[in-house]
N, C-alpha and C. Protein backbone atom coordinates (compact mmCIF):
# COMPACT_ATOMS: atom_id res chain seq x y z
N MET A 1 118.67 -87.20 36.35
CA MET A 1 118.46 -87.55 34.95
C MET A 1 119.79 -88.06 34.38
N THR A 2 119.76 -89.21 33.75
CA THR A 2 120.97 -89.79 33.19
C THR A 2 121.44 -88.97 31.98
N ASP A 3 122.69 -89.20 31.60
CA ASP A 3 123.25 -88.48 30.46
C ASP A 3 122.48 -88.79 29.18
N HIS A 4 122.11 -90.07 28.99
CA HIS A 4 121.34 -90.45 27.80
C HIS A 4 119.99 -89.74 27.78
N ARG A 5 119.32 -89.74 28.92
CA ARG A 5 118.00 -89.10 29.02
C ARG A 5 118.11 -87.60 28.77
N PHE A 6 119.14 -86.97 29.34
CA PHE A 6 119.35 -85.54 29.13
C PHE A 6 119.64 -85.27 27.66
N SER A 7 120.48 -86.10 27.04
CA SER A 7 120.82 -85.95 25.63
C SER A 7 119.57 -86.09 24.76
N GLN A 8 118.73 -87.03 25.09
CA GLN A 8 117.49 -87.26 24.36
C GLN A 8 116.57 -86.04 24.48
N CYS A 9 116.43 -85.52 25.68
CA CYS A 9 115.58 -84.34 25.90
C CYS A 9 116.15 -83.12 25.20
N TRP A 10 117.46 -82.97 25.23
CA TRP A 10 118.08 -81.84 24.54
C TRP A 10 117.85 -81.93 23.04
N LYS A 11 117.94 -83.14 22.48
CA LYS A 11 117.70 -83.34 21.04
C LYS A 11 116.25 -82.99 20.70
N LEU A 12 115.30 -83.42 21.53
CA LEU A 12 113.90 -83.07 21.31
C LEU A 12 113.70 -81.57 21.39
N PHE A 13 114.26 -80.95 22.44
CA PHE A 13 114.10 -79.51 22.61
C PHE A 13 114.69 -78.75 21.42
N SER A 14 115.92 -79.07 21.05
CA SER A 14 116.58 -78.31 19.98
C SER A 14 115.90 -78.54 18.63
N THR A 15 115.45 -79.74 18.37
CA THR A 15 114.75 -80.03 17.12
C THR A 15 113.46 -79.23 17.04
N PHE A 16 112.64 -79.29 18.07
CA PHE A 16 111.37 -78.58 18.04
C PHE A 16 111.55 -77.07 18.18
N PHE A 17 112.65 -76.63 18.79
CA PHE A 17 112.95 -75.20 18.84
C PHE A 17 113.21 -74.68 17.42
N ARG A 18 113.99 -75.44 16.64
CA ARG A 18 114.26 -75.05 15.25
C ARG A 18 112.96 -75.02 14.43
N ILE A 19 112.12 -76.03 14.63
CA ILE A 19 110.85 -76.07 13.91
C ILE A 19 110.02 -74.84 14.27
N GLY A 20 109.94 -74.53 15.55
CA GLY A 20 109.16 -73.37 16.00
C GLY A 20 109.75 -72.05 15.54
N ALA A 21 111.07 -72.00 15.44
CA ALA A 21 111.73 -70.74 15.09
C ALA A 21 111.69 -70.44 13.60
N PHE A 22 111.64 -71.46 12.77
CA PHE A 22 111.76 -71.22 11.33
C PHE A 22 110.52 -71.57 10.54
N THR A 23 109.37 -71.61 11.20
CA THR A 23 108.13 -71.90 10.50
C THR A 23 107.18 -70.73 10.67
N PHE A 24 106.71 -70.20 9.56
CA PHE A 24 105.71 -69.15 9.57
C PHE A 24 104.38 -69.75 9.13
N GLY A 25 103.28 -69.25 9.69
CA GLY A 25 101.97 -69.67 9.22
C GLY A 25 101.22 -70.56 10.18
N GLY A 26 101.75 -70.78 11.37
CA GLY A 26 101.01 -71.55 12.35
C GLY A 26 101.31 -73.04 12.30
N GLY A 27 100.53 -73.77 13.09
CA GLY A 27 100.75 -75.19 13.29
C GLY A 27 100.70 -76.04 12.05
N TYR A 28 99.76 -75.76 11.15
CA TYR A 28 99.65 -76.58 9.94
C TYR A 28 100.88 -76.44 9.06
N ALA A 29 101.47 -75.26 9.05
CA ALA A 29 102.68 -75.06 8.26
C ALA A 29 103.87 -75.79 8.87
N MET A 30 103.77 -76.15 10.16
CA MET A 30 104.85 -76.88 10.82
C MET A 30 104.81 -78.37 10.52
N ILE A 31 103.69 -78.88 10.07
CA ILE A 31 103.54 -80.32 9.87
C ILE A 31 104.61 -80.91 8.95
N PRO A 32 104.92 -80.28 7.79
CA PRO A 32 105.98 -80.88 6.96
C PRO A 32 107.33 -80.94 7.67
N LEU A 33 107.64 -79.92 8.46
CA LEU A 33 108.91 -79.92 9.19
C LEU A 33 108.91 -80.97 10.30
N ILE A 34 107.77 -81.07 11.00
CA ILE A 34 107.66 -82.09 12.04
C ILE A 34 107.82 -83.47 11.41
N HIS A 35 107.17 -83.69 10.28
CA HIS A 35 107.29 -84.98 9.59
C HIS A 35 108.74 -85.26 9.22
N ARG A 36 109.39 -84.27 8.60
CA ARG A 36 110.78 -84.48 8.17
C ARG A 36 111.68 -84.81 9.36
N GLU A 37 111.55 -84.06 10.45
CA GLU A 37 112.43 -84.25 11.60
C GLU A 37 112.10 -85.52 12.39
N ALA A 38 110.80 -85.75 12.63
CA ALA A 38 110.41 -86.88 13.48
C ALA A 38 110.45 -88.22 12.76
N VAL A 39 110.14 -88.21 11.46
CA VAL A 39 110.07 -89.47 10.70
C VAL A 39 111.37 -89.71 9.93
N GLU A 40 111.74 -88.76 9.10
CA GLU A 40 112.86 -88.99 8.18
C GLU A 40 114.23 -88.79 8.82
N ALA A 41 114.40 -87.72 9.58
CA ALA A 41 115.74 -87.41 10.11
C ALA A 41 116.07 -88.19 11.38
N ASN A 42 115.14 -88.25 12.32
CA ASN A 42 115.43 -88.86 13.63
C ASN A 42 114.80 -90.23 13.85
N HIS A 43 113.87 -90.62 13.00
CA HIS A 43 113.21 -91.92 13.10
C HIS A 43 112.57 -92.15 14.47
N TRP A 44 112.00 -91.08 15.04
CA TRP A 44 111.31 -91.20 16.32
C TRP A 44 109.97 -91.92 16.14
N VAL A 45 109.32 -91.68 14.99
CA VAL A 45 108.05 -92.32 14.67
C VAL A 45 108.08 -92.69 13.19
N ASP A 46 107.15 -93.56 12.77
CA ASP A 46 107.07 -93.89 11.36
C ASP A 46 105.91 -93.14 10.71
N ASP A 47 105.71 -93.36 9.42
CA ASP A 47 104.68 -92.62 8.68
C ASP A 47 103.28 -92.84 9.25
N GLN A 48 102.97 -94.07 9.64
CA GLN A 48 101.64 -94.35 10.20
C GLN A 48 101.47 -93.67 11.55
N GLU A 49 102.51 -93.71 12.37
CA GLU A 49 102.43 -93.08 13.69
C GLU A 49 102.27 -91.56 13.59
N ILE A 50 102.94 -90.93 12.62
CA ILE A 50 102.81 -89.48 12.48
C ILE A 50 101.39 -89.13 12.06
N LEU A 51 100.78 -89.95 11.21
CA LEU A 51 99.38 -89.72 10.84
C LEU A 51 98.48 -89.80 12.07
N ASP A 52 98.71 -90.81 12.90
CA ASP A 52 97.91 -90.95 14.11
C ASP A 52 98.15 -89.78 15.07
N ILE A 53 99.39 -89.36 15.19
CA ILE A 53 99.71 -88.24 16.07
C ILE A 53 99.04 -86.97 15.58
N ILE A 54 99.09 -86.72 14.27
CA ILE A 54 98.44 -85.53 13.71
C ILE A 54 96.94 -85.59 13.94
N ALA A 55 96.35 -86.76 13.75
CA ALA A 55 94.90 -86.91 13.97
C ALA A 55 94.54 -86.64 15.42
N ILE A 56 95.31 -87.19 16.34
CA ILE A 56 95.05 -86.96 17.77
C ILE A 56 95.31 -85.50 18.12
N ALA A 57 96.40 -84.94 17.61
CA ALA A 57 96.74 -83.55 17.91
C ALA A 57 95.67 -82.59 17.41
N GLU A 58 95.06 -82.93 16.27
CA GLU A 58 94.01 -82.09 15.70
C GLU A 58 92.73 -82.19 16.52
N SER A 59 92.47 -83.35 17.08
CA SER A 59 91.20 -83.56 17.77
C SER A 59 91.27 -83.27 19.27
N THR A 60 92.43 -82.92 19.78
CA THR A 60 92.54 -82.55 21.20
C THR A 60 92.67 -81.03 21.31
N PRO A 61 92.27 -80.47 22.44
CA PRO A 61 92.36 -79.01 22.60
C PRO A 61 93.80 -78.52 22.49
N GLY A 62 93.97 -77.38 21.85
CA GLY A 62 95.29 -76.78 21.72
C GLY A 62 95.78 -76.78 20.30
N PRO A 63 96.82 -76.01 20.05
CA PRO A 63 97.39 -75.93 18.70
C PRO A 63 98.00 -77.26 18.26
N ILE A 64 97.83 -77.56 16.99
CA ILE A 64 98.25 -78.86 16.44
C ILE A 64 99.76 -79.08 16.57
N ALA A 65 100.56 -78.05 16.36
CA ALA A 65 102.03 -78.21 16.43
C ALA A 65 102.46 -78.51 17.86
N ILE A 66 101.86 -77.83 18.81
CA ILE A 66 102.22 -78.05 20.21
C ILE A 66 101.79 -79.45 20.64
N ASN A 67 100.57 -79.83 20.28
CA ASN A 67 100.09 -81.17 20.63
C ASN A 67 100.96 -82.24 19.98
N SER A 68 101.34 -82.04 18.72
CA SER A 68 102.19 -83.02 18.03
C SER A 68 103.54 -83.14 18.72
N ALA A 69 104.13 -82.01 19.06
CA ALA A 69 105.42 -82.02 19.76
C ALA A 69 105.29 -82.75 21.09
N THR A 70 104.22 -82.49 21.80
CA THR A 70 104.00 -83.12 23.09
C THR A 70 103.89 -84.64 22.94
N PHE A 71 103.10 -85.11 21.97
CA PHE A 71 102.93 -86.55 21.78
C PHE A 71 104.24 -87.21 21.34
N ILE A 72 104.94 -86.59 20.40
CA ILE A 72 106.22 -87.16 19.94
C ILE A 72 107.23 -87.18 21.08
N GLY A 73 107.31 -86.06 21.80
CA GLY A 73 108.23 -86.00 22.94
C GLY A 73 107.94 -87.07 23.97
N TYR A 74 106.66 -87.30 24.24
CA TYR A 74 106.29 -88.33 25.22
C TYR A 74 106.67 -89.72 24.72
N LYS A 75 106.44 -89.98 23.44
CA LYS A 75 106.78 -91.30 22.88
C LYS A 75 108.28 -91.54 22.95
N VAL A 76 109.06 -90.50 22.70
CA VAL A 76 110.52 -90.65 22.66
C VAL A 76 111.15 -90.63 24.05
N GLY A 77 110.69 -89.71 24.91
CA GLY A 77 111.37 -89.51 26.18
C GLY A 77 110.48 -89.44 27.41
N GLY A 78 109.26 -89.95 27.30
CA GLY A 78 108.37 -89.93 28.46
C GLY A 78 107.97 -88.51 28.82
N LEU A 79 107.69 -88.30 30.09
CA LEU A 79 107.23 -86.99 30.56
C LEU A 79 108.28 -85.90 30.34
N ALA A 80 109.54 -86.21 30.59
CA ALA A 80 110.61 -85.23 30.39
C ALA A 80 110.75 -84.89 28.90
N GLY A 81 110.64 -85.89 28.04
CA GLY A 81 110.71 -85.65 26.60
C GLY A 81 109.54 -84.82 26.12
N SER A 82 108.39 -85.09 26.67
CA SER A 82 107.18 -84.32 26.34
C SER A 82 107.36 -82.85 26.70
N ALA A 83 107.87 -82.61 27.90
CA ALA A 83 108.10 -81.23 28.34
C ALA A 83 109.15 -80.53 27.48
N ALA A 84 110.22 -81.25 27.14
CA ALA A 84 111.30 -80.67 26.33
C ALA A 84 110.80 -80.30 24.94
N ALA A 85 110.08 -81.21 24.28
CA ALA A 85 109.58 -80.95 22.93
C ALA A 85 108.57 -79.81 22.93
N THR A 86 107.68 -79.82 23.92
CA THR A 86 106.66 -78.77 24.00
C THR A 86 107.30 -77.41 24.24
N LEU A 87 108.23 -77.34 25.18
CA LEU A 87 108.92 -76.07 25.45
C LEU A 87 109.69 -75.62 24.21
N GLY A 88 110.32 -76.55 23.52
CA GLY A 88 111.08 -76.22 22.32
C GLY A 88 110.22 -75.60 21.23
N VAL A 89 109.04 -76.14 20.98
CA VAL A 89 108.20 -75.63 19.89
C VAL A 89 107.51 -74.32 20.29
N VAL A 90 107.28 -74.10 21.58
CA VAL A 90 106.57 -72.91 22.05
C VAL A 90 107.51 -71.71 22.25
N LEU A 91 108.69 -71.96 22.72
CA LEU A 91 109.60 -70.88 23.11
C LEU A 91 109.90 -69.86 22.01
N PRO A 92 110.19 -70.27 20.77
CA PRO A 92 110.48 -69.25 19.75
C PRO A 92 109.31 -68.29 19.53
N SER A 93 108.10 -68.81 19.44
CA SER A 93 106.94 -67.94 19.24
C SER A 93 106.73 -67.03 20.44
N PHE A 94 106.90 -67.58 21.62
CA PHE A 94 106.75 -66.78 22.83
C PHE A 94 107.74 -65.62 22.84
N LEU A 95 108.99 -65.89 22.51
CA LEU A 95 110.01 -64.83 22.51
C LEU A 95 109.71 -63.78 21.44
N VAL A 96 109.36 -64.23 20.24
CA VAL A 96 109.08 -63.29 19.15
C VAL A 96 107.86 -62.43 19.47
N ILE A 97 106.80 -63.05 19.94
CA ILE A 97 105.59 -62.30 20.27
C ILE A 97 105.85 -61.33 21.42
N SER A 98 106.65 -61.73 22.39
CA SER A 98 106.99 -60.83 23.50
C SER A 98 107.71 -59.59 22.99
N ILE A 99 108.63 -59.78 22.07
CA ILE A 99 109.38 -58.64 21.51
C ILE A 99 108.47 -57.78 20.64
N ILE A 100 107.68 -58.43 19.78
CA ILE A 100 106.79 -57.68 18.89
C ILE A 100 105.77 -56.88 19.68
N SER A 101 105.29 -57.44 20.79
CA SER A 101 104.26 -56.74 21.56
C SER A 101 104.76 -55.40 22.10
N LEU A 102 106.06 -55.30 22.28
CA LEU A 102 106.62 -54.02 22.74
C LEU A 102 106.52 -52.95 21.66
N PHE A 103 106.56 -53.37 20.41
CA PHE A 103 106.57 -52.43 19.29
C PHE A 103 105.46 -52.74 18.29
N PHE A 104 104.33 -53.27 18.77
CA PHE A 104 103.31 -53.83 17.89
C PHE A 104 102.82 -52.85 16.83
N THR A 105 102.41 -51.67 17.24
CA THR A 105 101.83 -50.72 16.29
C THR A 105 102.85 -50.34 15.22
N ALA A 106 104.04 -49.98 15.64
CA ALA A 106 105.07 -49.60 14.67
C ALA A 106 105.44 -50.79 13.78
N PHE A 107 105.46 -51.97 14.35
CA PHE A 107 105.82 -53.17 13.60
C PHE A 107 104.80 -53.44 12.49
N MET A 108 103.52 -53.40 12.82
CA MET A 108 102.48 -53.74 11.85
C MET A 108 102.31 -52.65 10.79
N GLU A 109 102.70 -51.43 11.09
CA GLU A 109 102.59 -50.36 10.11
C GLU A 109 103.81 -50.26 9.20
N ASN A 110 104.84 -51.01 9.49
CA ASN A 110 106.06 -50.99 8.69
C ASN A 110 105.78 -51.66 7.34
N ARG A 111 106.02 -50.93 6.27
CA ARG A 111 105.70 -51.48 4.94
C ARG A 111 106.54 -52.69 4.60
N TRP A 112 107.78 -52.76 5.08
CA TRP A 112 108.63 -53.92 4.80
C TRP A 112 108.04 -55.18 5.45
N VAL A 113 107.53 -55.02 6.65
CA VAL A 113 106.90 -56.15 7.34
C VAL A 113 105.65 -56.58 6.58
N ALA A 114 104.82 -55.61 6.17
CA ALA A 114 103.60 -55.92 5.41
C ALA A 114 103.95 -56.64 4.11
N TRP A 115 104.97 -56.17 3.42
CA TRP A 115 105.38 -56.81 2.17
C TRP A 115 105.90 -58.23 2.42
N ALA A 116 106.66 -58.39 3.51
CA ALA A 116 107.18 -59.72 3.84
C ALA A 116 106.04 -60.70 4.09
N PHE A 117 105.05 -60.28 4.86
CA PHE A 117 103.92 -61.17 5.14
C PHE A 117 103.11 -61.45 3.89
N GLU A 118 103.04 -60.50 3.00
CA GLU A 118 102.35 -60.72 1.73
C GLU A 118 103.03 -61.83 0.92
N GLY A 119 104.34 -61.86 0.98
CA GLY A 119 105.10 -62.90 0.28
C GLY A 119 105.05 -64.25 0.98
N ILE A 120 104.94 -64.24 2.30
CA ILE A 120 104.95 -65.48 3.08
C ILE A 120 103.63 -66.24 2.93
N ARG A 121 102.51 -65.55 2.81
CA ARG A 121 101.20 -66.22 2.77
C ARG A 121 101.11 -67.33 1.72
N PRO A 122 101.47 -67.09 0.45
CA PRO A 122 101.38 -68.19 -0.53
C PRO A 122 102.30 -69.37 -0.18
N ALA A 123 103.45 -69.08 0.38
CA ALA A 123 104.38 -70.15 0.75
C ALA A 123 103.77 -71.03 1.85
N VAL A 124 103.05 -70.43 2.77
CA VAL A 124 102.41 -71.18 3.85
C VAL A 124 101.38 -72.14 3.26
N VAL A 125 100.60 -71.68 2.29
CA VAL A 125 99.59 -72.54 1.66
C VAL A 125 100.28 -73.74 1.01
N ILE A 126 101.38 -73.52 0.33
CA ILE A 126 102.10 -74.61 -0.33
C ILE A 126 102.68 -75.58 0.70
N LEU A 127 103.21 -75.06 1.81
CA LEU A 127 103.73 -75.95 2.86
C LEU A 127 102.63 -76.85 3.40
N ILE A 128 101.45 -76.29 3.62
CA ILE A 128 100.32 -77.08 4.12
C ILE A 128 99.91 -78.13 3.09
N LEU A 129 99.81 -77.73 1.82
CA LEU A 129 99.46 -78.68 0.76
C LEU A 129 100.50 -79.80 0.65
N GLY A 130 101.76 -79.44 0.80
CA GLY A 130 102.82 -80.44 0.77
C GLY A 130 102.66 -81.47 1.88
N ALA A 131 102.28 -81.01 3.06
CA ALA A 131 102.04 -81.93 4.18
C ALA A 131 100.87 -82.84 3.89
N VAL A 132 99.82 -82.29 3.28
CA VAL A 132 98.65 -83.10 2.93
C VAL A 132 99.04 -84.20 1.94
N VAL A 133 99.81 -83.84 0.93
CA VAL A 133 100.22 -84.82 -0.09
C VAL A 133 101.06 -85.93 0.55
N LYS A 134 102.01 -85.55 1.43
CA LYS A 134 102.86 -86.55 2.08
C LYS A 134 102.05 -87.49 2.95
N MET A 135 101.12 -86.92 3.72
CA MET A 135 100.32 -87.76 4.62
C MET A 135 99.32 -88.61 3.85
N LYS A 136 98.82 -88.12 2.73
CA LYS A 136 97.85 -88.87 1.92
C LYS A 136 98.47 -90.18 1.43
N LYS A 137 99.77 -90.18 1.18
CA LYS A 137 100.44 -91.39 0.69
C LYS A 137 100.35 -92.53 1.70
N SER A 138 100.22 -92.19 3.00
CA SER A 138 100.15 -93.22 4.03
C SER A 138 98.71 -93.62 4.35
N CYS A 139 97.74 -92.93 3.77
CA CYS A 139 96.33 -93.24 4.03
C CYS A 139 95.86 -94.37 3.12
N PRO A 140 94.87 -95.13 3.61
CA PRO A 140 94.30 -96.17 2.75
C PRO A 140 93.66 -95.55 1.51
N ASN A 141 93.66 -96.28 0.42
CA ASN A 141 93.20 -95.75 -0.86
C ASN A 141 91.96 -96.49 -1.39
N ASP A 142 91.10 -96.95 -0.49
CA ASP A 142 89.90 -97.63 -0.95
C ASP A 142 88.73 -96.66 -1.05
N LEU A 143 87.62 -97.12 -1.55
CA LEU A 143 86.46 -96.26 -1.80
C LEU A 143 85.94 -95.62 -0.52
N PHE A 144 85.87 -96.38 0.56
CA PHE A 144 85.39 -95.85 1.85
C PHE A 144 86.20 -94.64 2.28
N HIS A 145 87.51 -94.79 2.28
CA HIS A 145 88.39 -93.71 2.74
C HIS A 145 88.38 -92.51 1.78
N LEU A 146 88.32 -92.78 0.49
CA LEU A 146 88.27 -91.68 -0.48
C LEU A 146 86.96 -90.90 -0.37
N LEU A 147 85.85 -91.59 -0.11
CA LEU A 147 84.57 -90.90 0.09
C LEU A 147 84.61 -90.01 1.33
N ILE A 148 85.15 -90.54 2.41
CA ILE A 148 85.26 -89.74 3.64
C ILE A 148 86.17 -88.54 3.40
N LEU A 149 87.29 -88.77 2.74
CA LEU A 149 88.22 -87.68 2.43
C LEU A 149 87.53 -86.58 1.63
N GLY A 150 86.84 -86.95 0.57
CA GLY A 150 86.17 -85.96 -0.27
C GLY A 150 85.06 -85.23 0.46
N LEU A 151 84.25 -85.97 1.20
CA LEU A 151 83.13 -85.36 1.92
C LEU A 151 83.63 -84.40 3.00
N VAL A 152 84.61 -84.81 3.76
CA VAL A 152 85.15 -83.95 4.81
C VAL A 152 85.79 -82.71 4.21
N PHE A 153 86.51 -82.89 3.10
CA PHE A 153 87.13 -81.73 2.46
C PHE A 153 86.07 -80.71 2.05
N VAL A 154 85.02 -81.17 1.40
CA VAL A 154 83.97 -80.26 0.94
C VAL A 154 83.29 -79.56 2.14
N LEU A 155 82.94 -80.34 3.16
CA LEU A 155 82.26 -79.77 4.32
C LEU A 155 83.15 -78.79 5.08
N ALA A 156 84.43 -79.12 5.21
CA ALA A 156 85.35 -78.23 5.93
C ALA A 156 85.68 -76.99 5.10
N ALA A 157 85.93 -77.19 3.81
CA ALA A 157 86.31 -76.06 2.95
C ALA A 157 85.18 -75.05 2.79
N THR A 158 83.95 -75.53 2.77
CA THR A 158 82.81 -74.62 2.62
C THR A 158 82.36 -74.04 3.94
N GLY A 159 82.86 -74.58 5.04
CA GLY A 159 82.48 -74.09 6.36
C GLY A 159 81.10 -74.55 6.80
N LEU A 160 80.54 -75.54 6.11
CA LEU A 160 79.20 -76.02 6.46
C LEU A 160 79.19 -76.75 7.81
N VAL A 161 80.29 -77.42 8.13
CA VAL A 161 80.38 -78.17 9.38
C VAL A 161 81.71 -77.83 10.04
N SER A 162 81.68 -77.62 11.35
CA SER A 162 82.92 -77.28 12.05
C SER A 162 83.76 -78.54 12.31
N THR A 163 84.96 -78.35 12.79
CA THR A 163 85.94 -79.42 12.93
C THR A 163 85.48 -80.53 13.88
N ILE A 164 84.97 -80.17 15.03
CA ILE A 164 84.63 -81.19 16.03
C ILE A 164 83.56 -82.15 15.52
N PRO A 165 82.43 -81.66 14.98
CA PRO A 165 81.46 -82.63 14.44
C PRO A 165 82.04 -83.49 13.31
N LEU A 166 82.94 -82.92 12.50
CA LEU A 166 83.57 -83.72 11.44
C LEU A 166 84.42 -84.84 12.02
N LEU A 167 85.21 -84.52 13.03
CA LEU A 167 86.07 -85.53 13.65
C LEU A 167 85.24 -86.61 14.33
N VAL A 168 84.21 -86.20 15.06
CA VAL A 168 83.36 -87.18 15.76
C VAL A 168 82.63 -88.07 14.75
N SER A 169 82.07 -87.46 13.71
CA SER A 169 81.31 -88.26 12.74
C SER A 169 82.21 -89.20 11.94
N THR A 170 83.41 -88.76 11.59
CA THR A 170 84.31 -89.66 10.85
C THR A 170 84.82 -90.78 11.75
N ALA A 171 85.04 -90.48 13.04
CA ALA A 171 85.43 -91.54 13.98
C ALA A 171 84.31 -92.57 14.09
N LEU A 172 83.09 -92.10 14.18
CA LEU A 172 81.94 -93.02 14.25
C LEU A 172 81.83 -93.84 12.97
N CYS A 173 82.07 -93.22 11.82
CA CYS A 173 82.05 -93.96 10.55
C CYS A 173 83.09 -95.09 10.56
N GLY A 174 84.27 -94.79 11.07
CA GLY A 174 85.32 -95.81 11.15
C GLY A 174 84.93 -96.95 12.07
N ILE A 175 84.35 -96.61 13.22
CA ILE A 175 83.92 -97.63 14.17
C ILE A 175 82.81 -98.49 13.56
N LEU A 176 81.82 -97.84 12.96
CA LEU A 176 80.72 -98.58 12.34
C LEU A 176 81.21 -99.49 11.22
N ARG A 177 82.16 -98.99 10.43
CA ARG A 177 82.70 -99.82 9.34
C ARG A 177 83.40 -101.05 9.90
N GLN A 178 84.19 -100.87 10.95
CA GLN A 178 84.90 -102.01 11.53
C GLN A 178 83.93 -103.00 12.17
N LEU A 179 82.86 -102.50 12.80
CA LEU A 179 81.84 -103.40 13.35
C LEU A 179 81.15 -104.19 12.24
N PHE A 180 80.84 -103.50 11.14
CA PHE A 180 80.23 -104.17 9.99
C PHE A 180 81.16 -105.24 9.43
N LEU A 181 82.44 -104.89 9.27
CA LEU A 181 83.40 -105.85 8.75
C LEU A 181 83.60 -107.03 9.72
N ALA A 182 83.53 -106.75 11.02
CA ALA A 182 83.69 -107.81 12.01
C ALA A 182 82.54 -108.82 11.90
N ARG A 183 81.35 -108.31 11.65
CA ARG A 183 80.19 -109.20 11.49
C ARG A 183 80.35 -110.07 10.25
N LYS A 184 81.02 -109.53 9.23
CA LYS A 184 81.24 -110.30 8.00
C LYS A 184 82.50 -111.15 8.09
N GLY A 185 83.24 -111.01 9.21
CA GLY A 185 84.47 -111.77 9.38
C GLY A 185 85.66 -111.20 8.67
N LYS A 186 85.61 -109.90 8.32
CA LYS A 186 86.71 -109.27 7.57
C LYS A 186 87.38 -108.16 8.34
N ALA A 187 87.05 -107.97 9.61
CA ALA A 187 87.64 -106.89 10.39
C ALA A 187 89.11 -107.19 10.66
N GLY A 188 89.80 -106.18 11.00
CA GLY A 188 91.22 -106.34 11.30
C GLY A 188 91.88 -105.00 11.26
N ASP A 189 92.97 -104.94 10.53
CA ASP A 189 93.72 -103.70 10.41
C ASP A 189 92.86 -102.67 9.68
N PRO A 190 92.62 -101.48 10.30
CA PRO A 190 91.77 -100.49 9.68
C PRO A 190 92.34 -99.89 8.41
N SER A 191 93.58 -100.14 8.11
CA SER A 191 94.13 -99.61 6.86
C SER A 191 93.74 -100.55 5.76
């Protein structure tokens, strides 16, 4: 591995290690940090690419943060970059969970821990909402997209439809719309 390639992989690993180490609340809470590091700080991807990566990461098996790290790592550094980013985002949780598992009962019964998690929960919700607002700015703002956004939000929030049917049906809606526009001679960029 060349020095540049090693440096690139180390940067991916250390960046995603920090994201994994300092984010509470799961993969969705990591999205704002992933966006900041991958788009704003390191310019590995742009706003449109991060939206596509999040969409693919959500629709493929596995946690969204790990999938996102894997896709970004692959785009930046190929297979080695993919492995470095994935290991970086997974390792902090693995280490913490390994340590906690040794003292799980005592840990969960500790009132300080319970109080800390009580305070963290609202912050996690705000982090997720912040990611939604940032990503919404890159989404198309026409009637078709706003209708899909509203309908999917209602169906997902109420639990009436699970994630996979929502993703499949919205993908089909996008395909059908582009086919319709192609017949009218207006197809092109889906945004």
